[in-house]
Amino acid sequence: GSGGYAEVRLASHKPTGHKVAIKMYEKYKLIDPNVKANLLKEIKILWKLQHPNIVTLYESIDSI
């Protein structure tokens, strides 16, 4: 699926075989400081949460 800032794709975690969602942002969409700040807040919150009804953040990668 896709939204205003990101695209989400279904993938398979190779070591475990679990299905995972990969949320990808285009760098040019993060030029706005408010959008980037909101993304960083989302990442910080997801790192802290562990609940069966909330998606688990396994990894965050920043690429060039």
Protein backbone atom coordinates (compact mmCIF):
# COMPACT_ATOMS: atom_id res chain seq x y z
CA GLY A 1 0.00 0.00 0.00
CA SER A 2 1.00 3.61 -0.17
CA GLY A 3 0.19 6.88 1.48
CA GLY A 4 1.23 10.49 1.25
CA TYR A 5 4.79 9.92 2.44
CA ALA A 6 5.58 6.21 2.37
CA GLU A 7 5.06 2.93 0.58
CA VAL A 8 4.55 -0.31 2.52
CA ARG A 9 5.55 -3.67 1.08
CA LEU A 10 5.10 -7.21 2.33
CA ALA A 11 8.31 -9.18 2.79
CA SER A 12 9.61 -12.32 4.44
CA HIS A 13 12.18 -12.21 7.26
CA LYS A 14 14.70 -14.76 6.01
CA PRO A 15 16.02 -16.06 9.37
CA THR A 16 12.55 -16.68 10.84
CA GLY A 17 10.29 -16.93 7.81
CA HIS A 18 7.85 -14.47 9.41
CA LYS A 19 5.94 -12.08 7.19
CA VAL A 20 6.95 -8.47 7.80
CA ALA A 21 5.97 -5.06 6.45
CA ILE A 22 8.62 -2.75 5.09
CA LYS A 23 7.76 0.95 5.19
CA MET A 24 9.85 2.94 2.73
CA TYR A 25 10.12 6.71 2.45
CA GLU A 26 11.46 8.63 -0.51
CA LYS A 27 14.20 10.98 0.76
CA TYR A 28 12.80 13.98 -1.10
CA LYS A 29 9.54 13.67 0.85
CA LEU A 30 11.48 14.12 4.10
CA ILE A 31 12.94 17.51 3.18
CA ASP A 32 10.18 19.21 5.20
CA PRO A 33 11.53 19.40 8.79
CA ASN A 34 8.06 18.78 10.26
CA VAL A 35 7.57 15.58 8.25
CA LYS A 36 11.03 14.33 9.21
CA ALA A 37 10.42 15.19 12.90
CA ASN A 38 7.14 13.26 12.84
CA LEU A 39 8.86 10.24 11.30
CA LEU A 40 11.57 10.29 13.97
CA LYS A 41 8.88 10.52 16.69
CA GLU A 42 7.08 7.54 15.17
CA ILE A 43 10.29 5.51 15.19
CA LYS A 44 11.09 6.41 18.82
CA ILE A 45 7.57 5.48 19.95
CA LEU A 46 7.55 2.17 18.07
CA TRP A 47 10.93 1.19 19.55
CA LYS A 48 9.40 1.48 23.04
CA LEU A 49 6.12 -0.34 22.39
CA GLN A 50 5.65 -4.07 22.78
CA HIS A 51 2.04 -5.15 22.49
CA PRO A 52 0.36 -7.97 20.53
CA ASN A 53 -2.05 -5.51 18.85
CA ILE A 54 0.61 -2.99 17.80
CA VAL A 55 3.12 -3.54 15.02
CA THR A 56 6.66 -4.34 16.24
CA LEU A 57 9.57 -2.31 14.91
CA TYR A 58 12.49 -4.64 14.27
CA GLU A 59 14.87 -2.35 12.45
CA SER A 60 15.25 1.17 11.11
CA ILE A 61 17.65 1.81 8.24
CA ASP A 62 18.71 5.14 6.76
CA SER A 63 20.21 4.77 3.31
CA ILE A 64 21.81 7.20 0.91
